[in-house]
Structures are given as structure tokens and as C-alpha cells.
């Protein structure tokens, strides 16, 4: 008998964080359209990169030093 979405969600919530991430990637891979060609995806990434660079250049956002990012990531893994 098939599980309901609620049951699957509850089961997924009980998984370790690493398995939750793996499951999320699998679901994303399943949902991606076969019509998305590499060129379309690359174009979207190029646009995103250009947007982010522009935000940095105009001061809309501020960069975060790599060491600070590493500290934040490490503190999340410890908790």
C-alpha cells in the first residue's frame, strides 16, 4: 500500500540531516524537466552570476569573508 504525502514527509523528517539532503537532491533530480538542456541551465547560471556581481558592485549586498563563512558552517555542524 502506498504511503500518503504526510506519512512520507514525517518519515523524511526523521532521517538524519545528511540523508534528508540526499533525498532532497533525488527529488529535485526527479522533478527536473528533460527539456532543460545544458545550454538553458548554463544561461540561467550566467544570469544569476551577473545579477550577484552587479549587486556587489552597486553595494546592494556586501561580501562575507571566507573565514567568517567557514566559522558559521563549522558552528552549525557542531550543534
PDB file of N, CA and C in Angstrom:
ATOM      1  N   UNK A   1       0.836  -1.172   0.000  1.00  0.00           N
ATOM      2  CA  UNK A   1       0.000   0.000   0.000  1.00  0.00           C
ATOM      3  C   UNK A   1       0.888   1.246   0.000  1.00  0.00           C
ATOM      4  N   UNK A   2       0.559   2.218  -0.787  1.00  0.00           N
ATOM      5  CA  UNK A   2       1.336   3.445  -0.889  1.00  0.00           C
ATOM      6  C   UNK A   2       1.147   4.312   0.340  1.00  0.00           C
ATOM      7  N   UNK A   3       2.196   5.054   0.676  1.00  0.00           N
ATOM      8  CA  UNK A   3       2.118   5.993   1.789  1.00  0.00           C
ATOM      9  C   UNK A   3       1.562   7.325   1.298  1.00  0.00           C
ATOM     10  N   UNK A   4       0.945   8.043   2.218  1.00  0.00           N
ATOM     11  CA  UNK A   4       0.452   9.377   1.886  1.00  0.00           C
ATOM     12  C   UNK A   4       1.619  10.350   1.940  1.00  0.00           C
ATOM     13  N   UNK A   5       1.421  11.517   1.371  1.00  0.00           N
ATOM     14  CA  UNK A   5       2.447  12.551   1.400  1.00  0.00           C
ATOM     15  C   UNK A   5       2.798  12.913   2.843  1.00  0.00           C
ATOM     16  N   UNK A   6       1.808  12.952   3.702  1.00  0.00           N
ATOM     17  CA  UNK A   6       2.039  13.268   5.118  1.00  0.00           C
ATOM     18  C   UNK A   6       2.934  12.216   5.757  1.00  0.00           C
ATOM     19  N   UNK A   7       2.683  10.949   5.465  1.00  0.00           N
ATOM     20  CA  UNK A   7       3.497   9.871   6.024  1.00  0.00           C
ATOM     21  C   UNK A   7       4.928   9.928   5.513  1.00  0.00           C
ATOM     22  N   UNK A   8       5.066  10.175   4.232  1.00  0.00           N
ATOM     23  CA  UNK A   8       6.410  10.269   3.641  1.00  0.00           C
ATOM     24  C   UNK A   8       7.156  11.457   4.234  1.00  0.00           C
ATOM     25  N   UNK A   9       6.459  12.583   4.396  1.00  0.00           N
ATOM     26  CA  UNK A   9       7.074  13.772   4.977  1.00  0.00           C
ATOM     27  C   UNK A   9       7.524  13.502   6.407  1.00  0.00           C
ATOM     28  N   UNK A  10       6.679  12.844   7.174  1.00  0.00           N
ATOM     29  CA  UNK A  10       7.028  12.505   8.557  1.00  0.00           C
ATOM     30  C   UNK A  10       8.247  11.591   8.586  1.00  0.00           C
ATOM     31  N   UNK A  11       8.271  10.596   7.711  1.00  0.00           N
ATOM     32  CA  UNK A  11       9.424   9.691   7.644  1.00  0.00           C
ATOM     33  C   UNK A  11      10.690  10.452   7.263  1.00  0.00           C
ATOM     34  N   UNK A  12      10.573  11.348   6.296  1.00  0.00           N
ATOM     35  CA  UNK A  12      11.733  12.125   5.851  1.00  0.00           C
ATOM     36  C   UNK A  12      12.249  13.024   6.966  1.00  0.00           C
ATOM     37  N   UNK A  13      11.355  13.572   7.757  1.00  0.00           N
ATOM     38  CA  UNK A  13      11.761  14.441   8.864  1.00  0.00           C
ATOM     39  C   UNK A  13      12.537  13.675   9.922  1.00  0.00           C
ATOM     40  N   UNK A  14      12.317  12.377  10.006  1.00  0.00           N
ATOM     41  CA  UNK A  14      13.021  11.552  10.986  1.00  0.00           C
ATOM     42  C   UNK A  14      14.400  11.109  10.511  1.00  0.00           C
ATOM     43  N   UNK A  15      14.719  11.343   9.249  1.00  0.00           N
ATOM     44  CA  UNK A  15      16.024  10.954   8.716  1.00  0.00           C
ATOM     45  C   UNK A  15      17.118  11.863   9.264  1.00  0.00           C
ATOM     46  N   UNK A  16      18.358  11.358   9.317  1.00  0.00           N
ATOM     47  CA  UNK A  16      19.483  12.240   9.661  1.00  0.00           C
ATOM     48  C   UNK A  16      19.601  13.346   8.606  1.00  0.00           C
ATOM     49  N   UNK A  17      20.176  14.466   8.987  1.00  0.00           N
ATOM     50  CA  UNK A  17      20.273  15.622   8.089  1.00  0.00           C
ATOM     51  C   UNK A  17      20.948  15.263   6.765  1.00  0.00           C
ATOM     52  N   UNK A  18      21.988  14.454   6.810  1.00  0.00           N
ATOM     53  CA  UNK A  18      22.694  14.098   5.575  1.00  0.00           C
ATOM     54  C   UNK A  18      21.786  13.306   4.632  1.00  0.00           C
ATOM     55  N   UNK A  19      20.963  12.427   5.189  1.00  0.00           N
ATOM     56  CA  UNK A  19      20.030  11.659   4.365  1.00  0.00           C
ATOM     57  C   UNK A  19      18.900  12.539   3.839  1.00  0.00           C
ATOM     58  N   UNK A  20      18.492  13.518   4.635  1.00  0.00           N
ATOM     59  CA  UNK A  20      17.478  14.462   4.159  1.00  0.00           C
ATOM     60  C   UNK A  20      17.987  15.217   2.938  1.00  0.00           C
ATOM     61  N   UNK A  21      19.252  15.636   2.988  1.00  0.00           N
ATOM     62  CA  UNK A  21      19.838  16.347   1.848  1.00  0.00           C
ATOM     63  C   UNK A  21      19.921  15.448   0.616  1.00  0.00           C
ATOM     64  N   UNK A  22      20.300  14.198   0.823  1.00  0.00           N
ATOM     65  CA  UNK A  22      20.353  13.252  -0.296  1.00  0.00           C
ATOM     66  C   UNK A  22      18.968  13.066  -0.911  1.00  0.00           C
ATOM     67  N   UNK A  23      17.977  12.924  -0.051  1.00  0.00           N
ATOM     68  CA  UNK A  23      16.597  12.752  -0.522  1.00  0.00           C
ATOM     69  C   UNK A  23      16.145  13.978  -1.305  1.00  0.00           C
ATOM     70  N   UNK A  24      16.467  15.161  -0.793  1.00  0.00           N
ATOM     71  CA  UNK A  24      16.090  16.396  -1.487  1.00  0.00           C
ATOM     72  C   UNK A  24      16.711  16.443  -2.876  1.00  0.00           C
ATOM     73  N   UNK A  25      17.981  16.049  -2.991  1.00  0.00           N
ATOM     74  CA  UNK A  25      18.659  16.048  -4.296  1.00  0.00           C
ATOM     75  C   UNK A  25      17.982  15.047  -5.242  1.00  0.00           C
ATOM     76  N   UNK A  26      17.638  13.879  -4.724  1.00  0.00           N
ATOM     77  CA  UNK A  26      16.967  12.869  -5.544  1.00  0.00           C
ATOM     78  C   UNK A  26      15.635  13.409  -6.050  1.00  0.00           C
ATOM     79  N   UNK A  27      14.863  14.033  -5.158  1.00  0.00           N
ATOM     80  CA  UNK A  27      13.565  14.582  -5.565  1.00  0.00           C
ATOM     81  C   UNK A  27      13.725  15.701  -6.583  1.00  0.00           C
ATOM     82  N   UNK A  28      14.736  16.544  -6.385  1.00  0.00           N
ATOM     83  CA  UNK A  28      14.992  17.605  -7.364  1.00  0.00           C
ATOM     84  C   UNK A  28      15.369  17.015  -8.720  1.00  0.00           C
ATOM     85  N   UNK A  29      16.222  16.002  -8.698  1.00  0.00           N
ATOM     86  CA  UNK A  29      16.620  15.358  -9.952  1.00  0.00           C
ATOM     87  C   UNK A  29      15.417  14.755 -10.668  1.00  0.00           C
ATOM     88  N   UNK A  30      14.513  14.148  -9.898  1.00  0.00           N
ATOM     89  CA  UNK A  30      13.327  13.540 -10.496  1.00  0.00           C
ATOM     90  C   UNK A  30      12.397  14.587 -11.104  1.00  0.00           C
ATOM     91  N   UNK A  31      12.375  15.768 -10.487  1.00  0.00           N
ATOM     92  CA  UNK A  31      11.428  16.787 -10.935  1.00  0.00           C
ATOM     93  C   UNK A  31      11.958  17.651 -12.080  1.00  0.00           C
ATOM     94  N   UNK A  32      13.264  17.579 -12.326  1.00  0.00           N
ATOM     95  CA  UNK A  32      13.811  18.395 -13.398  1.00  0.00           C
ATOM     96  C   UNK A  32      13.266  17.929 -14.750  1.00  0.00           C
ATOM     97  N   UNK A  33      12.912  18.873 -15.529  1.00  0.00           N
ATOM     98  CA  UNK A  33      12.369  18.565 -16.845  1.00  0.00           C
ATOM     99  C   UNK A  33      13.467  18.088 -17.775  1.00  0.00           C
ATOM    100  N   UNK A  34      13.166  17.073 -18.549  1.00  0.00           N
ATOM    101  CA  UNK A  34      14.128  16.597 -19.535  1.00  0.00           C
ATOM    102  C   UNK A  34      14.356  17.633 -20.624  1.00  0.00           C
ATOM    103  N   UNK A  35      13.449  18.590 -20.712  1.00  0.00           N
ATOM    104  CA  UNK A  35      13.571  19.609 -21.750  1.00  0.00           C
ATOM    105  C   UNK A  35      14.629  20.654 -21.391  1.00  0.00           C
ATOM    106  N   UNK A  36      15.053  20.698 -20.118  1.00  0.00           N
ATOM    107  CA  UNK A  36      16.087  21.641 -19.718  1.00  0.00           C
ATOM    108  C   UNK A  36      17.424  21.180 -20.284  1.00  0.00           C
ATOM    109  N   UNK A  37      17.862  21.858 -21.286  1.00  0.00           N
ATOM    110  CA  UNK A  37      19.147  21.492 -21.865  1.00  0.00           C
ATOM    111  C   UNK A  37      20.268  22.143 -21.072  1.00  0.00           C
ATOM    112  N   UNK A  38      21.469  21.664 -21.288  1.00  0.00           N
ATOM    113  CA  UNK A  38      22.619  22.243 -20.605  1.00  0.00           C
ATOM    114  C   UNK A  38      22.760  23.719 -20.948  1.00  0.00           C
ATOM    115  N   UNK A  39      22.457  24.095 -22.174  1.00  0.00           N
ATOM    116  CA  UNK A  39      22.579  25.491 -22.595  1.00  0.00           C
ATOM    117  C   UNK A  39      21.610  26.384 -21.827  1.00  0.00           C
ATOM    118  N   UNK A  40      20.389  25.916 -21.606  1.00  0.00           N
ATOM    119  CA  UNK A  40      19.393  26.689 -20.870  1.00  0.00           C
ATOM    120  C   UNK A  40      19.844  26.853 -19.425  1.00  0.00           C
ATOM    121  N   UNK A  41      20.300  25.783 -18.832  1.00  0.00           N
ATOM    122  CA  UNK A  41      20.753  25.829 -17.451  1.00  0.00           C
ATOM    123  C   UNK A  41      21.963  26.747 -17.318  1.00  0.00           C
ATOM    124  N   UNK A  42      22.911  26.629 -18.245  1.00  0.00           N
ATOM    125  CA  UNK A  42      24.096  27.487 -18.207  1.00  0.00           C
ATOM    126  C   UNK A  42      23.703  28.952 -18.337  1.00  0.00           C
ATOM    127  N   UNK A  43      22.757  29.252 -19.216  1.00  0.00           N
ATOM    128  CA  UNK A  43      22.290  30.626 -19.384  1.00  0.00           C
ATOM    129  C   UNK A  43      21.687  31.164 -18.088  1.00  0.00           C
ATOM    130  N   UNK A  44      20.910  30.341 -17.411  1.00  0.00           N
ATOM    131  CA  UNK A  44      20.313  30.763 -16.142  1.00  0.00           C
ATOM    132  C   UNK A  44      21.387  31.036 -15.093  1.00  0.00           C
ATOM    133  N   UNK A  45      22.406  30.179 -15.036  1.00  0.00           N
ATOM    134  CA  UNK A  45      23.504  30.408 -14.090  1.00  0.00           C
ATOM    135  C   UNK A  45      24.257  31.691 -14.444  1.00  0.00           C
ATOM    136  N   UNK A  46      24.486  31.900 -15.723  1.00  0.00           N
ATOM    137  CA  UNK A  46      25.179  33.120 -16.160  1.00  0.00           C
ATOM    138  C   UNK A  46      24.412  34.364 -15.723  1.00  0.00           C
ATOM    139  N   UNK A  47      23.098  34.338 -15.872  1.00  0.00           N
ATOM    140  CA  UNK A  47      22.267  35.468 -15.453  1.00  0.00           C
ATOM    141  C   UNK A  47      22.341  35.671 -13.941  1.00  0.00           C
ATOM    142  N   UNK A  48      22.315  34.579 -13.199  1.00  0.00           N
ATOM    143  CA  UNK A  48      22.397  34.664 -11.740  1.00  0.00           C
ATOM    144  C   UNK A  48      23.743  35.242 -11.306  1.00  0.00           C
ATOM    145  N   UNK A  49      24.798  34.797 -11.936  1.00  0.00           N
ATOM    146  CA  UNK A  49      26.134  35.305 -11.614  1.00  0.00           C
ATOM    147  C   UNK A  49      26.219  36.797 -11.918  1.00  0.00           C
ATOM    148  N   UNK A  50      25.722  37.204 -13.069  1.00  0.00           N
ATOM    149  CA  UNK A  50      25.728  38.620 -13.429  1.00  0.00           C
ATOM    150  C   UNK A  50      24.936  39.453 -12.424  1.00  0.00           C
ATOM    151  N   UNK A  51      23.786  38.935 -11.983  1.00  0.00           N
ATOM    152  CA  UNK A  51      22.958  39.639 -11.008  1.00  0.00           C
ATOM    153  C   UNK A  51      23.712  39.817  -9.697  1.00  0.00           C
ATOM    154  N   UNK A  52      24.368  38.750  -9.246  1.00  0.00           N
ATOM    155  CA  UNK A  52      25.088  38.813  -7.979  1.00  0.00           C
ATOM    156  C   UNK A  52      26.285  39.763  -8.059  1.00  0.00           C
ATOM    157  N   UNK A  53      26.994  39.737  -9.171  1.00  0.00           N
ATOM    158  CA  UNK A  53      28.131  40.651  -9.344  1.00  0.00           C
ATOM    159  C   UNK A  53      27.649  42.095  -9.323  1.00  0.00           C
ATOM    160  N   UNK A  54      26.567  42.361 -10.017  1.00  0.00           N
ATOM    161  CA  UNK A  54      26.015  43.709 -10.048  1.00  0.00           C
ATOM    162  C   UNK A  54      25.612  44.167  -8.643  1.00  0.00           C
ATOM    163  N   UNK A  55      25.003  43.275  -7.873  1.00  0.00           N
ATOM    164  CA  UNK A  55      24.618  43.621  -6.507  1.00  0.00           C
ATOM    165  C   UNK A  55      25.838  43.967  -5.656  1.00  0.00           C
ATOM    166  N   UNK A  56      26.925  43.227  -5.842  1.00  0.00           N
ATOM    167  CA  UNK A  56      28.158  43.534  -5.117  1.00  0.00           C
ATOM    168  C   UNK A  56      28.736  44.876  -5.561  1.00  0.00           C
ATOM    169  N   UNK A  57      28.780  45.095  -6.870  1.00  0.00           N
ATOM    170  CA  UNK A  57      29.369  46.314  -7.410  1.00  0.00           C
ATOM    171  C   UNK A  57      28.590  47.561  -7.022  1.00  0.00           C
ATOM    172  N   UNK A  58      27.280  47.449  -6.934  1.00  0.00           N
ATOM    173  CA  UNK A  58      26.451  48.613  -6.610  1.00  0.00           C
ATOM    174  C   UNK A  58      26.294  48.802  -5.098  1.00  0.00           C
ATOM    175  N   UNK A  59      26.802  47.865  -4.314  1.00  0.00           N
ATOM    176  CA  UNK A  59      26.701  47.978  -2.868  1.00  0.00           C
ATOM    177  C   UNK A  59      25.381  47.500  -2.300  1.00  0.00           C
ATOM    178  N   UNK A  60      24.543  46.929  -3.135  1.00  0.00           N
ATOM    179  CA  UNK A  60      23.252  46.418  -2.646  1.00  0.00           C
ATOM    180  C   UNK A  60      23.469  45.301  -1.624  1.00  0.00           C
ATOM    181  N   UNK A  61      24.489  44.500  -1.852  1.00  0.00           N
ATOM    182  CA  UNK A  61      24.860  43.455  -0.897  1.00  0.00           C
ATOM    183  C   UNK A  61      26.333  43.609  -0.562  1.00  0.00           C
ATOM    184  N   UNK A  62      26.730  43.005   0.531  1.00  0.00           N
ATOM    185  CA  UNK A  62      28.110  43.090   0.980  1.00  0.00           C
ATOM    186  C   UNK A  62      28.668  41.672   1.054  1.00  0.00           C
ATOM    187  N   UNK A  63      29.885  41.491   0.590  1.00  0.00           N
ATOM    188  CA  UNK A  63      30.513  40.185   0.647  1.00  0.00           C
ATOM    189  C   UNK A  63      30.827  39.775   2.074  1.00  0.00           C
ATOM    190  N   UNK A  64      30.914  38.477   2.289  1.00  0.00           N
ATOM    191  CA  UNK A  64      31.252  37.929   3.599  1.00  0.00           C
ATOM    192  C   UNK A  64      32.611  37.248   3.464  1.00  0.00           C
ATOM    193  N   UNK A  65      33.564  37.596   4.332  1.00  0.00           N
ATOM    194  CA  UNK A  65      34.879  36.964   4.256  1.00  0.00           C
ATOM    195  C   UNK A  65      34.784  35.443   4.396  1.00  0.00           C
ATOM    196  N   UNK A  66      35.619  34.744   3.648  1.00  0.00           N
ATOM    197  CA  UNK A  66      35.605  33.283   3.633  1.00  0.00           C
ATOM    198  C   UNK A  66      35.758  32.699   5.034  1.00  0.00           C
ATOM    199  N   UNK A  67      36.652  33.243   5.831  1.00  0.00           N
ATOM    200  CA  UNK A  67      36.868  32.716   7.182  1.00  0.00           C
ATOM    201  C   UNK A  67      35.606  32.803   8.030  1.00  0.00           C
ATOM    202  N   UNK A  68      34.844  33.879   7.865  1.00  0.00           N
ATOM    203  CA  UNK A  68      33.592  34.023   8.608  1.00  0.00           C
ATOM    204  C   UNK A  68      32.577  32.971   8.165  1.00  0.00           C
ATOM    205  N   UNK A  69      32.501  32.736   6.869  1.00  0.00           N
ATOM    206  CA  UNK A  69      31.595  31.709   6.333  1.00  0.00           C
ATOM    207  C   UNK A  69      31.974  30.338   6.890  1.00  0.00           C
ATOM    208  N   UNK A  70      33.281  30.043   6.886  1.00  0.00           N
ATOM    209  CA  UNK A  70      33.743  28.757   7.411  1.00  0.00           C
ATOM    210  C   UNK A  70      33.370  28.594   8.885  1.00  0.00           C
ATOM    211  N   UNK A  71      33.553  29.660   9.678  1.00  0.00           N
ATOM    212  CA  UNK A  71      33.221  29.595  11.106  1.00  0.00           C
ATOM    213  C   UNK A  71      31.737  29.299  11.303  1.00  0.00           C
ATOM    214  N   UNK A  72      30.893  29.956  10.515  1.00  0.00           N
ATOM    215  CA  UNK A  72      29.450  29.734  10.643  1.00  0.00           C
ATOM    216  C   UNK A  72      29.076  28.298  10.294  1.00  0.00           C
ATOM    217  N   UNK A  73      29.665  27.785   9.233  1.00  0.00           N
ATOM    218  CA  UNK A  73      29.383  26.402   8.822  1.00  0.00           C
ATOM    219  C   UNK A  73      29.843  25.427   9.900  1.00  0.00           C
ATOM    220  N   UNK A  74      31.047  25.629  10.393  1.00  0.00           N
ATOM    221  CA  UNK A  74      31.580  24.734  11.426  1.00  0.00           C
ATOM    222  C   UNK A  74      30.732  24.776  12.691  1.00  0.00           C
ATOM    223  N   UNK A  75      30.254  25.956  13.065  1.00  0.00           N
ATOM    224  CA  UNK A  75      29.442  26.044  14.291  1.00  0.00           C
ATOM    225  C   UNK A  75      28.094  25.335  14.104  1.00  0.00           C
ATOM    226  N   UNK A  76      27.557  25.329  12.906  1.00  0.00           N
ATOM    227  CA  UNK A  76      26.291  24.622  12.658  1.00  0.00           C
ATOM    228  C   UNK A  76      26.493  23.114  12.754  1.00  0.00           C
ATOM    229  N   UNK A  77      27.633  22.619  12.294  1.00  0.00           N
ATOM    230  CA  UNK A  77      27.879  21.182  12.332  1.00  0.00           C
ATOM    231  C   UNK A  77      28.113  20.705  13.754  1.00  0.00           C
ATOM    232  N   UNK A  78      28.627  21.583  14.604  1.00  0.00           N
ATOM    233  CA  UNK A  78      28.908  21.208  15.998  1.00  0.00           C
ATOM    234  C   UNK A  78      27.637  21.128  16.825  1.00  0.00           C
ATOM    235  N   UNK A  79      26.621  21.907  16.452  1.00  0.00           N
ATOM    236  CA  UNK A  79      25.404  21.933  17.276  1.00  0.00           C
ATOM    237  C   UNK A  79      24.440  20.836  16.937  1.00  0.00           C
TER     238      UNK A  79
END
